[in-house]
Amino acid sequence: MAEIGENQLTINGEANETKEKSGLENLKQYKWWIQMVVYSFFVLSGQSIGTLLGRIYFESGGNSEWLQSLVQAVGFPILFPFQWLNRAKKDPLETNTTKASPIVLALIYIGLGFFVAENCMLYAIGTQYLPVTTFTIICATQLGFNSIFSYFINHQKFTPYIVNSVVLLTISSILLIFQSKSGDAGSAKTSNQKYIIGFICTLAASASWALMLSLTQLAFRKVIKRETFDTVLDMSIYQCLVGSLLLMIGVFASGDWRKLSKEMMEFKQGRVSYVMNLFWTAVAWSVFQVGIVGLIFKVSSLFSNVMQILGLPIGPILAVIFLKDSFTGLKGISMALALWGFVSYMYEYVIDHLKMKKKIKAAEAEQVTMVSERDDEASRV
């Protein structure tokens, strides 16, 4: 009888332990979904507002590509208070706190900082020479490029749906090179040559940005290996710090800093609006950067890029409202193909999610069955 009691206590203990693990996992899942919503909101809002404000800057008389590039990276100081607050507390649900070598981390931040500086410059040129609608749709090619880089660098599964997404997004951007500029805001002062330059720079920036996302994921998984919010903030702050230093050198080396006072005085919306435009552009892109790094950290570089593409319709809608941009037939077809490519990827993601959920339920059912069988054996004894 004593042996039966001991077996029963062991089984009950295992059952309680299973319930505790299940409760902890549910809490982690709940926290994960909250973080996904927050990071996704950061990406969508930061990208849309930053792109629109950048276009308003050029439309209102601003013409410094170096300055506009700099404000995309220089807003990182607003993240310092959050970094200090998070280091003052420790989340018991966070795991893998092993720290990488400071030298290795420094090299990672410097390398990614070069990517940040390059992307900011190329995107600034694209924002200056292209209407918001055209610029936004070309950015959709990021998903195609990122799918390819994720396959080779991050070993992302490459399915027919992702291939379909790559093809559709590539075609959608190629169509825009034949886009007539009539009816778009700012088209009268943009020559065909500048339009092509803007197209090429935006396309190159999309490819470079996609590569940077994949390399960031590689750094998280292979080198940093830490699951803390501090990691997200550190990555966002230090790579933008390096990028800002490089872009600041460009501002002074190009001589643009001498023109800024005159540019502010001649800004159509006034000097206060000039300063506020630059300030909120910096804030928007910093928020966007935290969201992107957070999604890479929690899911993958490909998923973070999907959220960027999800926000594509927001930019053109804001441009239609505030900048009087218009949709042409060719641009509409391009947008439809871009959205089709996004839906193709999301369908793949839903399938993978359902398969994973089914495996988890099967594993839980198997565990319950094993406990039940052991309980029956103990009762028979």
Protein backbone atom coordinates (compact mmCIF):
# COMPACT_ATOMS: atom_id res chain seq x y z
CA MET A 1 0.00 0.00 0.00
CA ALA A 2 2.85 2.36 0.84
CA GLU A 3 4.37 1.65 -2.57
CA ILE A 4 1.07 2.46 -4.28
CA GLY A 5 0.86 5.73 -2.33
CA GLU A 6 4.37 6.66 -3.37
CA ASN A 7 3.58 5.94 -7.04
CA GLN A 8 0.42 8.01 -6.80
CA LEU A 9 2.32 10.92 -5.24
CA THR A 10 4.94 10.69 -8.01
CA ILE A 11 2.24 10.75 -10.70
CA ASN A 12 0.45 13.67 -9.03
CA GLY A 13 3.75 15.51 -8.77
CA GLU A 14 4.44 14.98 -12.46
CA ALA A 15 0.93 16.14 -13.33
CA ASN A 16 1.35 19.30 -11.25
CA GLU A 17 4.75 19.92 -12.83
CA THR A 18 3.20 19.52 -16.27
CA LYS A 19 0.47 22.03 -15.38
CA GLU A 20 3.06 24.51 -14.10
CA LYS A 21 5.13 24.18 -17.28
CA SER A 22 1.97 24.58 -19.35
CA GLY A 23 1.02 27.72 -17.40
CA LEU A 24 4.50 29.18 -17.88
CA GLU A 25 4.39 28.42 -21.59
CA ASN A 26 0.98 30.06 -21.88
CA LEU A 27 2.33 33.14 -20.10
CA LYS A 28 5.29 33.26 -22.49
CA GLN A 29 2.94 32.92 -25.47
CA TYR A 30 0.71 35.68 -24.13
CA LYS A 31 3.74 37.95 -23.69
CA TRP A 32 5.03 37.00 -27.15
CA TRP A 33 1.79 38.06 -28.85
CA ILE A 34 1.75 41.38 -26.99
CA GLN A 35 5.31 42.05 -28.11
CA MET A 36 4.40 41.14 -31.69
CA VAL A 37 1.54 43.64 -31.70
CA VAL A 38 3.71 46.40 -30.22
CA TYR A 39 6.66 45.79 -32.56
CA SER A 40 4.36 45.55 -35.58
CA PHE A 41 2.71 48.84 -34.64
CA PHE A 42 6.15 50.44 -34.36
CA VAL A 43 7.06 49.22 -37.85
CA LEU A 44 3.82 50.28 -39.54
CA SER A 45 3.53 53.70 -37.89
CA GLY A 46 7.23 54.58 -38.03
CA GLN A 47 7.61 53.62 -41.68
CA SER A 48 4.49 55.46 -42.86
CA ILE A 49 5.08 58.67 -40.90
CA GLY A 50 8.82 58.75 -41.67
CA THR A 51 8.26 58.31 -45.42
CA LEU A 52 5.54 60.98 -45.53
CA LEU A 53 7.56 63.53 -43.53
CA GLY A 54 10.58 62.90 -45.74
CA ARG A 55 8.53 63.68 -48.82
CA ILE A 56 7.06 66.81 -47.18
CA TYR A 57 10.62 67.97 -46.42
CA PHE A 58 11.60 67.87 -50.10
CA GLU A 59 8.26 69.24 -51.30
CA SER A 60 8.56 72.25 -48.97
CA GLY A 61 11.98 73.35 -50.18
CA GLY A 62 14.40 71.02 -48.43
CA ASN A 63 17.11 69.67 -50.75
CA SER A 64 19.83 68.15 -48.55
CA GLU A 65 20.01 64.41 -49.20
CA TRP A 66 22.70 64.08 -46.52
CA LEU A 67 20.55 65.77 -43.87
CA GLN A 68 17.51 63.70 -44.74
CA SER A 69 19.68 60.57 -44.54
CA LEU A 70 21.04 61.65 -41.17
CA VAL A 71 17.63 62.18 -39.54
CA GLN A 72 16.68 58.60 -40.42
CA ALA A 73 19.39 57.33 -38.07
CA VAL A 74 20.11 60.10 -35.57
CA GLY A 75 16.99 59.69 -33.42
CA PHE A 76 18.44 56.86 -31.35
CA PRO A 77 19.07 59.00 -28.16
CA ILE A 78 15.32 58.87 -27.42
CA LEU A 79 15.86 55.17 -26.66
CA PHE A 80 18.42 55.75 -23.88
CA PRO A 81 15.83 56.15 -21.07
CA PHE A 82 14.19 52.84 -22.04
CA GLN A 83 17.61 51.18 -22.13
CA TRP A 84 18.48 52.40 -18.63
CA LEU A 85 15.08 51.44 -17.21
CA ASN A 86 15.23 47.93 -18.65
CA ARG A 87 18.69 47.31 -17.26
CA ALA A 88 17.40 48.17 -13.79
CA LYS A 89 15.00 45.22 -13.81
CA LYS A 90 15.21 41.59 -14.86
CA ASP A 91 12.35 39.57 -16.38
CA PRO A 92 12.17 36.00 -14.95
CA LEU A 93 10.74 34.75 -18.24
CA GLU A 94 13.82 35.80 -20.21
CA THR A 95 16.38 33.10 -20.99
CA ASN A 96 19.79 32.65 -22.63
CA THR A 97 21.59 35.52 -20.89
CA THR A 98 25.04 34.45 -22.06
CA LYS A 99 26.90 37.52 -23.26
CA ALA A 100 28.98 37.64 -26.43
CA SER A 101 32.46 39.16 -26.57
CA PRO A 102 32.39 43.00 -26.52
CA ILE A 103 34.82 43.05 -29.46
CA VAL A 104 32.58 40.77 -31.52
CA LEU A 105 29.52 42.88 -30.65
CA ALA A 106 31.38 46.05 -31.61
CA LEU A 107 32.27 44.57 -35.00
CA ILE A 108 28.64 43.56 -35.55
CA TYR A 109 27.36 47.04 -34.67
CA ILE A 110 29.95 48.71 -36.90
CA GLY A 111 29.17 46.44 -39.86
CA LEU A 112 25.42 46.94 -39.53
CA GLY A 113 26.01 50.67 -39.01
CA PHE A 114 27.58 50.88 -42.47
CA PHE A 115 24.45 49.25 -43.88
CA VAL A 116 22.28 51.78 -42.00
CA ALA A 117 24.21 54.74 -43.45
CA GLU A 118 24.08 53.35 -46.99
CA ASN A 119 20.37 52.53 -46.82
CA CYS A 120 19.47 55.93 -45.38
CA MET A 121 21.29 57.73 -48.22
CA LEU A 122 19.77 55.59 -50.97
CA TYR A 123 16.27 55.87 -49.51
CA ALA A 124 16.67 59.65 -49.14
CA ILE A 125 17.47 59.93 -52.86
CA GLY A 126 14.48 57.74 -53.70
CA THR A 127 12.20 59.84 -51.49
CA GLN A 128 13.41 63.04 -53.18
CA TYR A 129 13.01 61.89 -56.78
CA LEU A 130 9.94 59.62 -56.59
CA PRO A 131 6.29 60.16 -55.64
CA VAL A 132 5.34 58.46 -52.37
CA THR A 133 3.15 55.92 -54.13
CA THR A 134 5.89 54.86 -56.55
CA PHE A 135 8.55 54.87 -53.82
CA THR A 136 6.40 52.73 -51.54
CA ILE A 137 5.61 50.10 -54.13
CA ILE A 138 9.27 49.73 -55.15
CA CYS A 139 10.05 49.09 -51.49
CA ALA A 140 7.86 45.99 -51.80
CA THR A 141 10.78 44.25 -53.51
CA GLN A 142 12.39 44.00 -50.06
CA LEU A 143 10.30 40.91 -49.41
CA GLY A 144 11.56 39.20 -52.54
CA PHE A 145 15.19 40.04 -51.82
CA ASN A 146 14.81 39.07 -48.18
CA SER A 147 13.32 35.70 -49.12
CA ILE A 148 16.43 34.92 -51.17
CA PHE A 149 18.88 36.14 -48.51
CA SER A 150 16.96 34.33 -45.77
CA TYR A 151 17.17 31.09 -47.71
CA PHE A 152 20.95 31.22 -48.13
CA ILE A 153 21.93 32.98 -44.89
CA ASN A 154 19.24 31.98 -42.37
CA HIS A 155 18.20 28.65 -43.96
CA GLN A 156 14.63 29.84 -44.36
CA LYS A 157 12.31 27.30 -45.97
CA PHE A 158 11.85 28.26 -49.64
CA THR A 159 8.37 27.12 -50.71
CA PRO A 160 6.36 27.64 -53.91
CA TYR A 161 4.36 30.37 -52.16
CA ILE A 162 7.54 32.33 -51.36
CA VAL A 163 8.77 31.85 -54.94
CA ASN A 164 5.44 33.20 -56.14
CA SER A 165 5.85 36.16 -53.79
CA VAL A 166 9.34 36.91 -55.13
CA VAL A 167 8.17 36.84 -58.76
CA LEU A 168 5.10 39.01 -58.17
CA LEU A 169 6.94 41.63 -56.15
CA THR A 170 9.75 41.83 -58.70
CA ILE A 171 7.29 42.32 -61.58
CA SER A 172 5.36 44.93 -59.57
CA SER A 173 8.47 47.11 -59.20
CA ILE A 174 9.66 46.65 -62.80
CA LEU A 175 6.32 47.98 -64.05
CA LEU A 176 6.97 51.29 -62.29
CA ILE A 177 9.95 52.19 -64.47
CA PHE A 178 7.41 52.79 -67.25
CA GLN A 179 5.20 54.89 -64.98
CA SER A 180 4.16 58.30 -66.30
CA LYS A 181 4.76 60.96 -63.67
CA SER A 182 1.78 63.12 -64.61
CA GLY A 183 -0.61 63.71 -61.77
CA ASP A 184 1.90 62.89 -59.03
CA ALA A 185 2.89 65.48 -56.45
CA GLY A 186 6.19 67.04 -57.34
CA SER A 187 6.32 65.44 -60.78
CA ALA A 188 6.74 68.73 -62.60
CA LYS A 189 10.19 69.30 -61.14
CA THR A 190 11.40 65.70 -61.49
CA SER A 191 13.08 64.88 -64.81
CA ASN A 192 13.06 61.43 -66.40
CA GLN A 193 16.73 61.05 -65.52
CA LYS A 194 16.10 61.81 -61.84
CA TYR A 195 13.09 59.50 -61.86
CA ILE A 196 15.29 56.62 -63.09
CA ILE A 197 17.99 57.51 -60.55
CA GLY A 198 15.37 57.47 -57.79
CA PHE A 199 14.06 54.12 -59.02
CA ILE A 200 17.53 52.51 -59.09
CA CYS A 201 18.53 53.92 -55.68
CA THR A 202 15.30 52.74 -54.04
CA LEU A 203 15.63 49.29 -55.59
CA ALA A 204 19.27 49.04 -54.47
CA ALA A 205 18.30 50.22 -50.98
CA SER A 206 15.61 47.54 -50.81
CA ALA A 207 18.14 44.82 -51.65
CA SER A 208 20.69 46.21 -49.20
CA TRP A 209 18.09 46.54 -46.45
CA ALA A 210 16.93 42.97 -46.99
CA LEU A 211 20.53 41.74 -46.70
CA MET A 212 20.98 43.73 -43.49
CA LEU A 213 17.87 42.15 -41.97
CA SER A 214 19.16 38.64 -42.72
CA LEU A 215 22.58 39.46 -41.27
CA THR A 216 20.91 40.89 -38.16
CA GLN A 217 18.99 37.66 -37.66
CA LEU A 218 22.22 35.69 -38.14
CA ALA A 219 23.92 37.81 -35.48
CA PHE A 220 21.06 37.24 -33.04
CA ARG A 221 20.94 33.47 -33.53
CA LYS A 222 24.64 32.64 -33.85
CA VAL A 223 26.50 35.29 -31.84
CA ILE A 224 24.36 37.28 -29.39
CA LYS A 225 22.05 34.43 -28.26
CA ARG A 226 20.26 36.55 -25.68
CA GLU A 227 16.48 36.81 -25.29
CA THR A 228 16.15 40.19 -23.58
CA PHE A 229 14.60 43.50 -24.55
CA ASP A 230 17.99 45.07 -23.79
CA THR A 231 19.35 43.20 -26.81
CA VAL A 232 16.77 44.83 -29.08
CA LEU A 233 17.55 48.29 -27.73
CA ASP A 234 21.32 47.76 -27.91
CA MET A 235 21.13 46.63 -31.52
CA SER A 236 18.86 49.55 -32.46
CA ILE A 237 20.97 52.16 -30.66
CA TYR A 238 24.51 51.16 -31.54
CA GLN A 239 24.03 50.43 -35.23
CA CYS A 240 22.23 53.76 -35.60
CA LEU A 241 25.04 55.45 -33.65
CA VAL A 242 27.60 54.16 -36.15
CA GLY A 243 25.36 55.06 -39.09
CA SER A 244 24.82 58.57 -37.69
CA LEU A 245 28.55 59.19 -37.33
CA LEU A 246 29.17 58.14 -40.93
CA LEU A 247 26.31 60.28 -42.24
CA MET A 248 27.42 63.26 -40.15
CA ILE A 249 30.82 63.03 -41.79
CA GLY A 250 29.02 63.12 -45.13
CA VAL A 251 27.05 66.24 -44.12
CA PHE A 252 30.24 68.16 -43.30
CA ALA A 253 32.38 66.70 -46.12
CA SER A 254 29.75 67.58 -48.75
CA GLY A 255 29.41 71.14 -47.46
CA ASP A 256 25.65 70.74 -46.91
CA TRP A 257 25.97 72.09 -43.37
CA ARG A 258 26.70 75.56 -44.78
CA LYS A 259 23.33 75.60 -46.60
CA LEU A 260 21.14 74.47 -43.70
CA SER A 261 20.56 77.94 -42.25
CA LYS A 262 19.40 79.27 -45.62
CA GLU A 263 17.32 76.14 -46.21
CA MET A 264 15.52 76.63 -42.89
CA MET A 265 14.79 80.30 -43.64
CA GLU A 266 13.35 79.45 -47.08
CA PHE A 267 11.32 76.44 -45.94
CA LYS A 268 7.76 76.93 -47.19
CA GLN A 269 6.11 75.91 -43.94
CA GLY A 270 8.32 78.15 -41.77
CA ARG A 271 11.32 77.65 -39.53
CA VAL A 272 9.42 75.96 -36.70
CA SER A 273 7.86 73.48 -39.12
CA TYR A 274 11.32 72.80 -40.57
CA VAL A 275 12.73 71.86 -37.17
CA MET A 276 9.64 69.86 -36.20
CA ASN A 277 9.71 67.99 -39.52
CA LEU A 278 13.30 66.88 -38.93
CA PHE A 279 12.66 66.05 -35.27
CA TRP A 280 9.59 63.89 -35.86
CA THR A 281 11.20 62.22 -38.87
CA ALA A 282 14.05 61.15 -36.58
CA VAL A 283 11.61 59.92 -33.94
CA ALA A 284 9.52 58.00 -36.49
CA TRP A 285 12.50 56.15 -37.96
CA SER A 286 13.85 55.33 -34.49
CA VAL A 287 10.51 53.79 -33.54
CA PHE A 288 10.54 51.90 -36.83
CA GLN A 289 14.07 50.62 -36.13
CA VAL A 290 13.07 49.24 -32.72
CA GLY A 291 10.08 47.50 -34.29
CA ILE A 292 12.16 45.93 -37.06
CA VAL A 293 14.88 44.66 -34.72
CA GLY A 294 12.22 43.39 -32.30
CA LEU A 295 10.45 41.36 -34.99
CA ILE A 296 13.75 39.90 -36.21
CA PHE A 297 14.60 39.04 -32.60
CA LYS A 298 11.25 37.38 -31.83
CA VAL A 299 10.41 35.78 -35.20
CA SER A 300 12.64 36.22 -38.26
CA SER A 301 13.98 38.76 -40.72
CA LEU A 302 11.45 37.55 -43.27
CA PHE A 303 8.52 38.16 -40.93
CA SER A 304 9.79 41.66 -40.10
CA ASN A 305 9.92 42.39 -43.81
CA VAL A 306 6.39 41.06 -44.25
CA MET A 307 5.15 43.61 -41.72
CA GLN A 308 6.87 46.35 -43.72
CA ILE A 309 5.09 45.23 -46.87
CA LEU A 310 1.82 45.04 -44.95
CA GLY A 311 2.17 48.78 -44.32
CA LEU A 312 2.55 49.59 -48.02
CA PRO A 313 -1.02 50.88 -48.55
CA ILE A 314 -0.69 53.31 -45.63
CA GLY A 315 1.97 55.49 -47.32
CA PRO A 316 0.05 56.05 -50.57
CA ILE A 317 -3.17 56.72 -48.67
CA LEU A 318 -1.46 59.40 -46.58
CA ALA A 319 0.16 60.80 -49.75
CA VAL A 320 -3.22 61.06 -51.48
CA ILE A 321 -4.65 62.90 -48.46
CA PHE A 322 -1.77 65.28 -47.71
CA LEU A 323 0.32 65.52 -50.90
CA LYS A 324 -2.38 65.13 -53.55
CA ASP A 325 -0.71 62.10 -55.15
CA SER A 326 -2.89 60.14 -57.54
CA PHE A 327 -3.15 56.51 -58.59
CA THR A 328 -2.78 55.67 -62.29
CA GLY A 329 -3.79 52.41 -63.91
CA LEU A 330 -0.22 51.09 -64.13
CA LYS A 331 0.46 52.04 -60.54
CA GLY A 332 -2.75 50.32 -59.46
CA ILE A 333 -1.70 47.10 -61.22
CA SER A 334 1.69 47.32 -59.56
CA MET A 335 0.12 47.79 -56.14
CA ALA A 336 -2.22 44.84 -56.73
CA LEU A 337 0.72 42.58 -57.66
CA ALA A 338 2.62 43.73 -54.56
CA LEU A 339 -0.34 42.93 -52.32
CA TRP A 340 -0.80 39.59 -54.09
CA GLY A 341 2.83 38.78 -53.31
CA PHE A 342 2.26 39.68 -49.66
CA VAL A 343 -0.85 37.49 -49.42
CA SER A 344 1.09 34.62 -51.00
CA TYR A 345 3.67 34.75 -48.24
CA MET A 346 1.09 35.18 -45.48
CA TYR A 347 -0.71 32.06 -46.72
CA GLU A 348 2.54 30.12 -46.29
CA TYR A 349 2.98 31.55 -42.80
CA VAL A 350 -0.55 30.54 -41.79
CA ILE A 351 0.03 26.98 -43.06
CA ASP A 352 3.28 26.70 -41.07
CA HIS A 353 1.62 28.11 -37.96
CA LEU A 354 -1.26 25.62 -38.16
CA LYS A 355 1.14 22.70 -38.64
CA MET A 356 3.18 23.76 -35.62
CA LYS A 357 0.04 24.17 -33.52
CA LYS A 358 -1.09 20.68 -34.53
CA LYS A 359 2.27 19.19 -33.50
CA ILE A 360 2.13 20.90 -30.11
CA LYS A 361 -1.39 19.59 -29.45
CA ALA A 362 -0.33 16.09 -30.49
CA ALA A 363 2.65 16.22 -28.11
CA GLU A 364 0.44 17.43 -25.25
CA ALA A 365 -2.13 14.69 -25.92
CA GLU A 366 0.62 12.07 -25.95
CA GLN A 367 1.95 13.32 -22.62
CA VAL A 368 -1.54 13.20 -21.05
CA THR A 369 -2.03 9.66 -22.35
CA MET A 370 1.29 8.52 -20.86
CA VAL A 371 0.40 9.97 -17.45
CA SER A 372 -3.04 8.35 -17.61
CA GLU A 373 -1.57 4.93 -18.48
CA ARG A 374 0.89 5.14 -15.61
CA ASP A 375 -1.99 6.09 -13.29
CA ASP A 376 -3.95 3.01 -14.40
CA GLU A 377 -0.95 0.73 -13.89
CA ALA A 378 -0.42 2.09 -10.39
CA SER A 379 -4.10 1.52 -9.55
CA ARG A 380 -3.94 -2.09 -10.72
CA VAL A 381 -0.86 -2.72 -8.60
